[in-house]
Amino acid sequence: MIQSMQELAARLLAARKAVGLTQEELASGVGLDRTSISKIEKGTRQVDSLELARIAEMLERPVTWFLESRPPAAISRREEREDGEQEADVLLETIASDVEQLIERQLLVPQDRRRLPGEVDDLAAAEELAAAARTWVNRPGGPIRDDLVDVVEPLGLYTFVLTFPRDRLEGSYVALSRGGVALVQGASEVGRRRFTIAHELGHHVLQDAYSSEWITSASPSDRERLINAFAVHFLLPRASVQSRWQELEGHVDRWNAAVHLAAEYGVSWSALCGHLKNLGLVDELGRQELDRRVPRSADFLERGLRISAEPRAPTIPSGYSAAVIKGLRRQKLARARALELLHGTVIPADLDDDSAAIPLEAMSAELGPLE
């Protein structure tokens, strides 16, 4: 449960802004005056159960969302967080609550956390952890061409690629009692979404309940620097990249070799250039020269290259989607609720009422003999 009126007030404020209501509009809808709403959002006025129920309905949240405490999210972004911008935080907590409900109803069974190979306190350990994570998902080397949302799901990380208002926010993560949830900005540039998923996987395997630091382009915290190192080695494993670079250098110039790597490994140009320098494949001058010449879509097409699968919004985990459909077919979820949980990845006609309910015979086969 939440610990103070201030925490409840913050949730009410965030939820109101997320649905785009003014204090006046919310007050009118729940039968209060605007001053009362203002005091509630400042934490200076108590809210009774009936008022909270009406407010929750107006703000499209279950009452429990305002009352249940959750660890703060570990946020990844390029710039410092601006006060009052909480829409993505609300969305992340809502998704996390949805995942937990599916787990509680035994529709979704997250994998237990893997044992870490050791303490991760330097760049070498971060690279070792990335190699271990690749082994855990059965991709020990080479480019990961599959959709990363599904690649990381077996590790208990449920990743949602959605478009939300805070366009400078790359992604965020929250740990659950079992598993974890990541929210990734679907409007990010090509290659950045995959890197963000890998970064949130770093938070997940390290079991960060929260992080008080923000990623900034100028001075990331030491912990975020290690997680960034994990992410880049997860996407661009050292031995694989070195081998492919040497192979390409024998046939094309350095810039063309980098273009091939960017497409094959599905990473942003800046991340690739920095990694090539860190691996000693180019010097700082070479990195700067490459970084100034960012390839365009036509450059990839001209060379017959297709960029490794980049998740587009909306993308949600396959196992999570299957759990929602299972809940619908077993009549544990209403059709409207299932559509809400699927975040626009299906249209209402896809969930026809006639086809939603599972026949008794099929359910018997799915669950085993009835006692």
Protein backbone atom coordinates (compact mmCIF):
# COMPACT_ATOMS: atom_id res chain seq x y z
CA MET A 1 0.00 0.00 0.00
CA ILE A 2 1.03 3.61 -0.49
CA GLN A 3 2.69 5.26 2.50
CA SER A 4 1.33 8.83 2.44
CA MET A 5 -1.23 11.26 1.06
CA GLN A 6 1.60 12.82 -0.96
CA GLU A 7 2.12 9.55 -2.83
CA LEU A 8 -1.61 9.27 -3.57
CA ALA A 9 -1.63 12.92 -4.63
CA ALA A 10 1.22 12.33 -7.09
CA ARG A 11 -0.62 9.40 -8.64
CA LEU A 12 -3.81 11.40 -9.01
CA LEU A 13 -1.94 14.26 -10.66
CA ALA A 14 -0.08 11.94 -13.04
CA ALA A 15 -3.25 10.05 -14.00
CA ARG A 16 -5.20 13.27 -14.64
CA LYS A 17 -2.48 14.61 -16.91
CA ALA A 18 -2.23 11.27 -18.70
CA VAL A 19 -5.89 11.45 -19.79
CA GLY A 20 -5.66 15.17 -20.59
CA LEU A 21 -8.22 16.52 -18.09
CA THR A 22 -7.99 19.87 -16.36
CA GLN A 23 -8.69 20.15 -12.64
CA GLU A 24 -11.97 21.87 -13.53
CA GLU A 25 -13.04 19.03 -15.84
CA LEU A 26 -12.18 16.34 -13.29
CA ALA A 27 -13.95 18.23 -10.51
CA SER A 28 -17.09 18.59 -12.64
CA GLY A 29 -17.08 14.90 -13.51
CA VAL A 30 -16.83 13.67 -9.91
CA GLY A 31 -19.06 16.27 -8.27
CA LEU A 32 -16.39 18.27 -6.45
CA ASP A 33 -15.18 21.84 -6.83
CA ARG A 34 -11.85 22.64 -8.48
CA THR A 35 -10.34 23.80 -5.18
CA SER A 36 -10.94 20.36 -3.68
CA ILE A 37 -9.15 18.66 -6.57
CA SER A 38 -6.27 21.12 -6.23
CA LYS A 39 -5.93 20.35 -2.52
CA ILE A 40 -6.11 16.59 -3.15
CA GLU A 41 -3.30 16.85 -5.71
CA LYS A 42 -1.21 18.83 -3.21
CA GLY A 43 -1.79 16.19 -0.53
CA THR A 44 -3.53 18.61 1.81
CA ARG A 45 -7.05 17.13 1.61
CA GLN A 46 -8.15 13.59 2.44
CA VAL A 47 -10.08 11.53 -0.11
CA ASP A 48 -12.84 9.19 0.99
CA SER A 49 -13.50 5.86 -0.70
CA LEU A 50 -16.52 7.04 -2.70
CA GLU A 51 -14.64 10.08 -4.02
CA LEU A 52 -11.67 7.94 -4.97
CA ALA A 53 -13.93 5.48 -6.80
CA ARG A 54 -15.46 8.30 -8.86
CA ILE A 55 -12.04 9.83 -9.55
CA ALA A 56 -10.62 6.45 -10.60
CA GLU A 57 -13.49 5.94 -13.05
CA MET A 58 -12.94 9.39 -14.60
CA LEU A 59 -9.20 8.77 -14.89
CA GLU A 60 -9.64 5.29 -16.39
CA ARG A 61 -7.69 3.51 -13.64
CA PRO A 62 -8.67 0.79 -11.16
CA VAL A 63 -8.87 2.06 -7.59
CA THR A 64 -6.07 -0.31 -6.62
CA TRP A 65 -3.70 1.55 -8.98
CA PHE A 66 -3.89 4.58 -6.68
CA LEU A 67 -3.40 2.56 -3.50
CA GLU A 68 -0.80 -0.10 -4.28
CA SER A 69 2.84 0.88 -3.93
CA ARG A 70 5.38 -0.06 -6.59
CA PRO A 71 9.17 0.43 -6.83
CA PRO A 72 10.16 3.55 -8.76
CA ALA A 73 11.04 2.91 -12.40
CA ALA A 74 14.59 2.85 -13.70
CA ILE A 75 14.40 5.43 -16.47
CA SER A 76 16.69 5.61 -19.51
CA ARG A 77 16.76 8.84 -21.44
CA ARG A 78 19.10 11.28 -23.11
CA GLU A 79 18.13 14.36 -21.15
CA GLU A 80 17.25 15.04 -17.55
CA ARG A 81 13.70 14.34 -16.49
CA GLU A 82 11.44 17.38 -16.48
CA ASP A 83 9.17 18.00 -13.50
CA GLY A 84 5.53 17.18 -14.10
CA GLU A 85 6.12 14.92 -17.10
CA GLN A 86 4.69 11.70 -15.69
CA GLU A 87 2.57 10.30 -18.52
CA ALA A 88 5.06 7.56 -19.35
CA ASP A 89 5.43 6.67 -15.67
CA VAL A 90 1.66 6.19 -15.47
CA LEU A 91 1.69 4.06 -18.62
CA LEU A 92 4.56 1.91 -17.29
CA GLU A 93 2.81 1.32 -13.95
CA THR A 94 -0.44 0.46 -15.72
CA ILE A 95 1.32 -2.10 -17.93
CA ALA A 96 3.16 -3.53 -14.92
CA SER A 97 -0.15 -3.90 -13.08
CA ASP A 98 -1.64 -5.64 -16.14
CA VAL A 99 1.26 -8.11 -16.30
CA GLU A 100 0.96 -8.84 -12.57
CA GLN A 101 -2.77 -9.52 -12.97
CA LEU A 102 -2.09 -12.04 -15.73
CA ILE A 103 0.51 -13.70 -13.50
CA GLU A 104 -1.88 -13.79 -10.54
CA ARG A 105 -4.56 -15.41 -12.72
CA GLN A 106 -1.97 -18.03 -13.79
CA LEU A 107 -2.29 -17.02 -17.41
CA LEU A 108 1.31 -15.85 -17.61
CA VAL A 109 4.25 -17.67 -16.02
CA PRO A 110 7.49 -15.63 -16.01
CA GLN A 111 10.85 -17.34 -15.94
CA ASP A 112 12.82 -17.22 -12.71
CA ARG A 113 15.80 -14.89 -12.66
CA ARG A 114 19.05 -16.37 -13.89
CA ARG A 115 22.01 -16.52 -11.54
CA LEU A 116 24.58 -13.85 -12.39
CA PRO A 117 28.12 -15.01 -13.20
CA GLY A 118 29.56 -12.68 -10.55
CA GLU A 119 29.70 -9.07 -9.42
CA VAL A 120 29.26 -6.57 -12.25
CA ASP A 121 31.47 -3.70 -11.18
CA ASP A 122 33.58 -2.97 -14.28
CA LEU A 123 33.33 -2.99 -18.07
CA ALA A 124 34.84 -6.46 -18.40
CA ALA A 125 32.20 -7.89 -16.06
CA ALA A 126 29.46 -6.11 -18.02
CA GLU A 127 30.74 -7.75 -21.21
CA GLU A 128 30.83 -11.14 -19.48
CA LEU A 129 27.24 -10.67 -18.30
CA ALA A 130 26.18 -9.79 -21.87
CA ALA A 131 27.76 -13.02 -23.11
CA ALA A 132 25.93 -14.97 -20.40
CA ALA A 133 22.61 -13.34 -21.33
CA ARG A 134 23.15 -14.30 -24.97
CA THR A 135 23.74 -17.89 -23.90
CA TRP A 136 20.55 -17.81 -21.82
CA VAL A 137 18.52 -16.83 -24.91
CA ASN A 138 20.35 -19.30 -27.18
CA ARG A 139 22.11 -16.64 -29.27
CA PRO A 140 25.75 -17.14 -28.28
CA GLY A 141 27.24 -15.19 -31.20
CA GLY A 142 26.53 -13.21 -34.34
CA PRO A 143 23.75 -10.70 -35.02
CA ILE A 144 20.39 -11.18 -33.29
CA ARG A 145 18.08 -10.81 -36.28
CA ASP A 146 14.87 -11.72 -34.44
CA ASP A 147 12.57 -9.25 -32.75
CA LEU A 148 14.28 -8.42 -29.44
CA VAL A 149 10.91 -8.10 -27.70
CA ASP A 150 10.45 -11.85 -28.08
CA VAL A 151 14.14 -12.70 -27.62
CA VAL A 152 14.22 -11.24 -24.08
CA GLU A 153 10.80 -12.50 -22.97
CA PRO A 154 12.13 -15.97 -21.91
CA LEU A 155 14.25 -14.11 -19.35
CA GLY A 156 11.07 -12.76 -17.76
CA LEU A 157 11.33 -9.29 -19.30
CA TYR A 158 8.06 -8.16 -20.85
CA THR A 159 8.84 -5.34 -23.26
CA PHE A 160 6.21 -3.00 -24.71
CA VAL A 161 7.16 -0.76 -27.64
CA LEU A 162 4.54 1.99 -27.65
CA THR A 163 4.44 5.62 -28.70
CA PHE A 164 3.90 8.04 -25.82
CA PRO A 165 4.10 11.84 -25.42
CA ARG A 166 7.53 12.20 -23.82
CA ASP A 167 9.52 11.88 -27.02
CA ARG A 168 12.88 12.34 -25.26
CA LEU A 169 12.28 9.35 -23.02
CA GLU A 170 13.90 6.29 -24.58
CA GLY A 171 12.70 3.64 -22.16
CA SER A 172 12.03 2.65 -18.59
CA TYR A 173 11.97 -0.50 -16.47
CA VAL A 174 10.25 -1.67 -13.32
CA ALA A 175 10.99 -4.89 -11.47
CA LEU A 176 8.06 -7.08 -10.43
CA SER A 177 7.97 -9.72 -7.71
CA ARG A 178 8.52 -12.14 -10.60
CA GLY A 179 9.83 -10.84 -13.90
CA GLY A 180 9.99 -7.23 -15.01
CA VAL A 181 8.42 -4.81 -17.45
CA ALA A 182 10.10 -2.44 -19.89
CA LEU A 183 8.47 0.41 -21.81
CA VAL A 184 10.28 1.55 -24.97
CA GLN A 185 9.57 4.67 -27.01
CA GLY A 186 8.22 3.60 -30.39
CA ALA A 187 9.06 6.98 -31.92
CA SER A 188 12.82 6.59 -31.39
CA GLU A 189 15.19 6.53 -34.34
CA VAL A 190 16.01 3.29 -36.13
CA GLY A 191 18.46 1.19 -34.15
CA ARG A 192 17.81 3.10 -30.93
CA ARG A 193 14.80 0.96 -29.98
CA ARG A 194 16.87 -2.24 -30.08
CA PHE A 195 19.59 -0.61 -27.98
CA THR A 196 17.00 0.58 -25.45
CA ILE A 197 15.56 -2.95 -25.14
CA ALA A 198 19.06 -4.30 -24.53
CA HIS A 199 19.67 -1.55 -21.97
CA GLU A 200 16.47 -2.35 -20.08
CA LEU A 201 17.47 -6.02 -20.17
CA GLY A 202 20.61 -4.91 -18.33
CA HIS A 203 18.48 -3.36 -15.58
CA HIS A 204 16.43 -6.56 -15.50
CA VAL A 205 19.23 -9.11 -15.19
CA LEU A 206 20.90 -6.95 -12.55
CA GLN A 207 17.51 -6.82 -10.76
CA ASP A 208 17.43 -3.06 -10.36
CA ALA A 209 14.30 -2.24 -8.41
CA TYR A 210 14.95 1.39 -9.24
CA SER A 211 17.63 3.85 -10.27
CA SER A 212 17.90 7.43 -9.04
CA GLU A 213 20.22 8.37 -11.87
CA TRP A 214 19.29 9.60 -15.33
CA ILE A 215 21.22 8.78 -18.49
CA THR A 216 22.55 11.98 -20.04
CA SER A 217 24.60 12.26 -23.17
CA ALA A 218 27.35 14.13 -21.31
CA SER A 219 27.89 12.30 -18.02
CA PRO A 220 26.11 9.00 -17.42
CA SER A 221 26.42 7.55 -13.95
CA ASP A 222 28.87 4.72 -13.41
CA ARG A 223 26.03 2.21 -13.09
CA GLU A 224 24.35 3.42 -16.27
CA ARG A 225 27.73 3.28 -18.02
CA LEU A 226 28.03 -0.40 -17.08
CA ILE A 227 24.48 -1.10 -18.25
CA ASN A 228 25.21 0.69 -21.53
CA ALA A 229 28.29 -1.52 -21.90
CA PHE A 230 26.14 -4.58 -21.26
CA ALA A 231 23.69 -3.42 -23.94
CA VAL A 232 26.27 -2.76 -26.62
CA HIS A 233 28.07 -6.09 -26.03
CA PHE A 234 24.73 -7.90 -26.02
CA LEU A 235 23.97 -6.51 -29.48
CA LEU A 236 27.56 -6.40 -30.78
CA PRO A 237 29.59 -9.24 -29.24
CA ARG A 238 33.32 -8.60 -29.47
CA ALA A 239 34.55 -11.73 -31.26
CA SER A 240 31.70 -11.71 -33.76
CA VAL A 241 32.12 -8.04 -34.67
CA GLN A 242 35.91 -8.31 -34.97
CA SER A 243 35.64 -11.32 -37.24
CA ARG A 244 33.00 -9.74 -39.47
CA TRP A 245 34.93 -6.44 -39.64
CA GLN A 246 38.07 -8.19 -40.83
CA GLU A 247 36.07 -10.09 -43.42
CA LEU A 248 34.42 -6.92 -44.74
CA GLU A 249 37.64 -4.88 -44.77
CA GLY A 250 39.05 -7.28 -47.32
CA HIS A 251 36.31 -6.31 -49.80
CA VAL A 252 35.06 -2.80 -49.07
CA ASP A 253 36.30 0.44 -47.53
CA ARG A 254 35.87 1.26 -43.85
CA TRP A 255 32.65 3.25 -44.21
CA ASN A 256 30.98 0.53 -46.29
CA ALA A 257 32.10 -2.07 -43.77
CA ALA A 258 30.44 -0.05 -41.01
CA VAL A 259 27.22 0.29 -43.06
CA HIS A 260 27.06 -3.50 -43.38
CA LEU A 261 27.58 -3.96 -39.64
CA ALA A 262 24.90 -1.39 -38.76
CA ALA A 263 22.37 -3.23 -40.91
CA GLU A 264 23.35 -6.74 -39.85
CA TYR A 265 23.44 -6.06 -36.12
CA GLY A 266 20.53 -3.58 -36.08
CA VAL A 267 22.11 -0.79 -34.06
CA SER A 268 22.20 2.98 -34.36
CA TRP A 269 25.09 4.53 -36.26
CA SER A 270 26.48 6.39 -33.24
CA ALA A 271 26.45 3.25 -31.09
CA LEU A 272 28.26 1.28 -33.78
CA CYS A 273 30.93 3.94 -34.35
CA GLY A 274 31.64 4.18 -30.63
CA HIS A 275 31.87 0.41 -30.31
CA LEU A 276 34.27 0.08 -33.25
CA LYS A 277 36.54 2.54 -31.48
CA ASN A 278 36.24 0.75 -28.13
CA LEU A 279 37.15 -2.55 -29.82
CA GLY A 280 40.24 -0.94 -31.35
CA LEU A 281 39.00 -1.41 -34.92
CA VAL A 282 39.21 2.35 -35.60
CA ASP A 283 40.99 5.15 -33.75
CA GLU A 284 39.31 8.30 -32.45
CA LEU A 285 39.88 10.15 -35.71
CA GLY A 286 38.38 7.23 -37.62
CA ARG A 287 35.38 7.19 -35.30
CA GLN A 288 34.78 10.89 -35.88
CA GLU A 289 35.04 10.48 -39.65
CA LEU A 290 32.53 7.64 -39.62
CA ASP A 291 30.22 9.43 -37.21
CA ARG A 292 30.00 12.49 -39.47
CA ARG A 293 28.80 10.42 -42.44
CA VAL A 294 25.52 8.91 -41.24
CA PRO A 295 24.06 6.49 -43.81
CA ARG A 296 20.55 7.09 -45.15
CA SER A 297 17.91 4.53 -46.03
CA ALA A 298 18.95 4.71 -49.67
CA ASP A 299 22.51 3.71 -48.72
CA PHE A 300 21.25 0.46 -47.21
CA LEU A 301 18.90 -0.21 -50.13
CA GLU A 302 21.66 0.45 -52.67
CA ARG A 303 23.76 -2.28 -51.07
CA GLY A 304 20.87 -4.72 -50.82
CA LEU A 305 20.89 -4.53 -47.02
CA ARG A 306 17.89 -5.02 -44.76
CA ILE A 307 18.22 -3.74 -41.21
CA SER A 308 17.72 -6.41 -38.53
CA ALA A 309 14.20 -6.51 -37.15
CA GLU A 310 13.40 -3.18 -35.49
CA PRO A 311 10.22 -3.34 -33.39
CA ARG A 312 7.60 -0.82 -34.43
CA ALA A 313 4.90 0.59 -32.19
CA PRO A 314 2.78 -1.09 -31.07
CA THR A 315 4.77 -4.26 -30.36
CA ILE A 316 4.05 -6.40 -27.29
CA PRO A 317 5.56 -9.73 -26.17
CA SER A 318 4.23 -12.83 -27.94
CA GLY A 319 3.91 -14.82 -24.72
CA TYR A 320 2.00 -11.96 -23.10
CA SER A 321 -0.32 -11.75 -26.13
CA ALA A 322 -0.94 -15.49 -25.94
CA ALA A 323 -1.77 -15.18 -22.23
CA VAL A 324 -4.36 -12.48 -22.97
CA ILE A 325 -6.03 -14.60 -25.67
CA LYS A 326 -5.95 -17.60 -23.35
CA GLY A 327 -7.66 -15.54 -20.66
CA LEU A 328 -10.32 -14.47 -23.13
CA ARG A 329 -10.97 -18.01 -24.37
CA ARG A 330 -11.20 -19.33 -20.81
CA GLN A 331 -13.56 -16.46 -19.96
CA LYS A 332 -11.20 -15.07 -17.35
CA LEU A 333 -11.01 -11.79 -19.28
CA ALA A 334 -13.81 -9.79 -20.88
CA ARG A 335 -13.48 -8.91 -24.56
CA ALA A 336 -13.13 -5.17 -23.85
CA ARG A 337 -10.44 -5.87 -21.27
CA ALA A 338 -8.55 -8.13 -23.68
CA LEU A 339 -8.57 -5.40 -26.33
CA GLU A 340 -7.21 -2.96 -23.78
CA LEU A 341 -4.42 -5.33 -22.77
CA LEU A 342 -3.40 -5.92 -26.40
CA HIS A 343 -2.62 -2.21 -26.93
CA GLY A 344 -3.93 -1.87 -30.47
CA THR A 345 -2.11 -4.91 -31.90
CA VAL A 346 -5.48 -6.37 -32.92
CA ILE A 347 -8.73 -4.81 -34.08
CA PRO A 348 -12.07 -5.56 -32.37
CA ALA A 349 -13.16 -7.79 -35.25
CA ASP A 350 -10.19 -10.08 -34.50
CA LEU A 351 -11.81 -10.90 -31.16
CA ASP A 352 -15.28 -11.82 -32.34
CA ASP A 353 -17.47 -12.86 -29.43
CA ASP A 354 -18.49 -16.04 -31.30
CA SER A 355 -14.91 -17.20 -31.65
CA ALA A 356 -13.64 -15.96 -28.28
CA ALA A 357 -15.12 -18.64 -26.03
CA ILE A 358 -13.32 -21.97 -26.12
CA PRO A 359 -15.57 -25.03 -26.57
CA LEU A 360 -15.80 -27.37 -23.59
CA GLU A 361 -14.18 -30.19 -25.57
CA ALA A 362 -11.22 -28.04 -26.53
CA MET A 363 -10.82 -26.78 -22.98
CA SER A 364 -10.83 -30.37 -21.73
CA ALA A 365 -8.05 -31.23 -24.17
CA GLU A 366 -6.11 -28.14 -23.13
CA LEU A 367 -6.47 -28.68 -19.39
CA GLY A 368 -6.55 -32.45 -19.26
CA PRO A 369 -9.37 -34.78 -18.20
CA LEU A 370 -12.12 -33.22 -16.11
CA GLU A 371 -12.47 -34.74 -12.64
